[in-house]
Amino acid sequence: MLRERVLPVATVVFAILAIWCVFVVVMNRQFV
C-alpha cells in the first residue's frame, strides 16, 4: 500500500523538478 502512495507523489515531485530546471535554463538564456 505504501508504494501505491509514494509512486504518484514521486512522479509529481519529479515533474515539478523537471519543469523548474527548464524554467531556470530559459530564464538564464533570456538574461544572458
N, C-alpha and C. Protein backbone atom coordinates (compact mmCIF):
# COMPACT_ATOMS: atom_id res chain seq x y z
N MET A 1 0.83 -1.21 0.00
CA MET A 1 0.00 0.00 0.00
C MET A 1 0.87 1.26 0.00
N LEU A 2 2.01 1.16 0.64
CA LEU A 2 2.89 2.33 0.75
C LEU A 2 3.40 2.74 -0.64
N ARG A 3 3.77 1.76 -1.44
CA ARG A 3 4.29 2.09 -2.78
C ARG A 3 3.23 2.79 -3.62
N GLU A 4 1.99 2.37 -3.48
CA GLU A 4 0.92 2.97 -4.29
C GLU A 4 0.78 4.46 -4.01
N ARG A 5 1.12 4.88 -2.80
CA ARG A 5 1.02 6.31 -2.47
C ARG A 5 2.31 7.04 -2.80
N VAL A 6 3.43 6.37 -2.64
CA VAL A 6 4.73 7.02 -2.88
C VAL A 6 4.94 7.26 -4.37
N LEU A 7 4.54 6.31 -5.21
CA LEU A 7 4.79 6.42 -6.65
C LEU A 7 4.18 7.69 -7.25
N PRO A 8 2.90 7.98 -7.04
CA PRO A 8 2.32 9.22 -7.60
C PRO A 8 3.01 10.46 -7.06
N VAL A 9 3.32 10.46 -5.78
CA VAL A 9 3.98 11.63 -5.17
C VAL A 9 5.35 11.83 -5.79
N ALA A 10 6.11 10.75 -5.95
CA ALA A 10 7.44 10.84 -6.54
C ALA A 10 7.35 11.34 -7.98
N THR A 11 6.32 10.89 -8.70
CA THR A 11 6.15 11.32 -10.09
C THR A 11 5.87 12.82 -10.16
N VAL A 12 5.02 13.31 -9.25
CA VAL A 12 4.69 14.74 -9.23
C VAL A 12 5.93 15.56 -8.88
N VAL A 13 6.67 15.11 -7.87
CA VAL A 13 7.88 15.83 -7.46
C VAL A 13 8.89 15.86 -8.61
N PHE A 14 9.06 14.74 -9.29
CA PHE A 14 10.00 14.68 -10.41
C PHE A 14 9.57 15.62 -11.53
N ALA A 15 8.27 15.68 -11.79
CA ALA A 15 7.76 16.57 -12.84
C ALA A 15 8.00 18.03 -12.47
N ILE A 16 7.77 18.37 -11.20
CA ILE A 16 7.99 19.75 -10.76
C ILE A 16 9.47 20.12 -10.88
N LEU A 17 10.35 19.21 -10.49
CA LEU A 17 11.79 19.49 -10.59
C LEU A 17 12.19 19.66 -12.05
N ALA A 18 11.66 18.83 -12.94
CA ALA A 18 11.99 18.93 -14.36
C ALA A 18 11.52 20.27 -14.92
N ILE A 19 10.29 20.67 -14.59
CA ILE A 19 9.76 21.95 -15.07
C ILE A 19 10.59 23.10 -14.50
N TRP A 20 10.98 23.01 -13.23
CA TRP A 20 11.77 24.06 -12.60
C TRP A 20 13.12 24.19 -13.30
N CYS A 21 13.75 23.06 -13.62
CA CYS A 21 15.05 23.09 -14.31
C CYS A 21 14.90 23.77 -15.68
N VAL A 22 13.87 23.42 -16.42
CA VAL A 22 13.64 24.03 -17.73
C VAL A 22 13.39 25.53 -17.57
N PHE A 23 12.64 25.91 -16.55
CA PHE A 23 12.34 27.32 -16.31
C PHE A 23 13.63 28.09 -16.02
N VAL A 24 14.51 27.51 -15.20
CA VAL A 24 15.77 28.17 -14.86
C VAL A 24 16.64 28.33 -16.11
N VAL A 25 16.69 27.29 -16.94
CA VAL A 25 17.51 27.36 -18.16
C VAL A 25 16.97 28.44 -19.09
N VAL A 26 15.66 28.50 -19.24
CA VAL A 26 15.05 29.51 -20.13
C VAL A 26 15.34 30.91 -19.60
N MET A 27 15.19 31.11 -18.31
CA MET A 27 15.44 32.43 -17.72
C MET A 27 16.90 32.82 -17.91
N ASN A 28 17.81 31.85 -17.73
CA ASN A 28 19.24 32.14 -17.90
C ASN A 28 19.54 32.53 -19.34
N ARG A 29 18.91 31.88 -20.29
CA ARG A 29 19.15 32.20 -21.70
C ARG A 29 18.62 33.59 -22.03
N GLN A 30 17.51 33.97 -21.43
CA GLN A 30 16.94 35.29 -21.72
C GLN A 30 17.83 36.40 -21.15
N PHE A 31 18.33 36.20 -19.93
CA PHE A 31 19.15 37.24 -19.30
C PHE A 31 20.54 37.29 -19.93
N VAL A 32 21.04 36.13 -20.37
CA VAL A 32 22.38 36.10 -20.97
C VAL A 32 22.24 36.26 -22.48
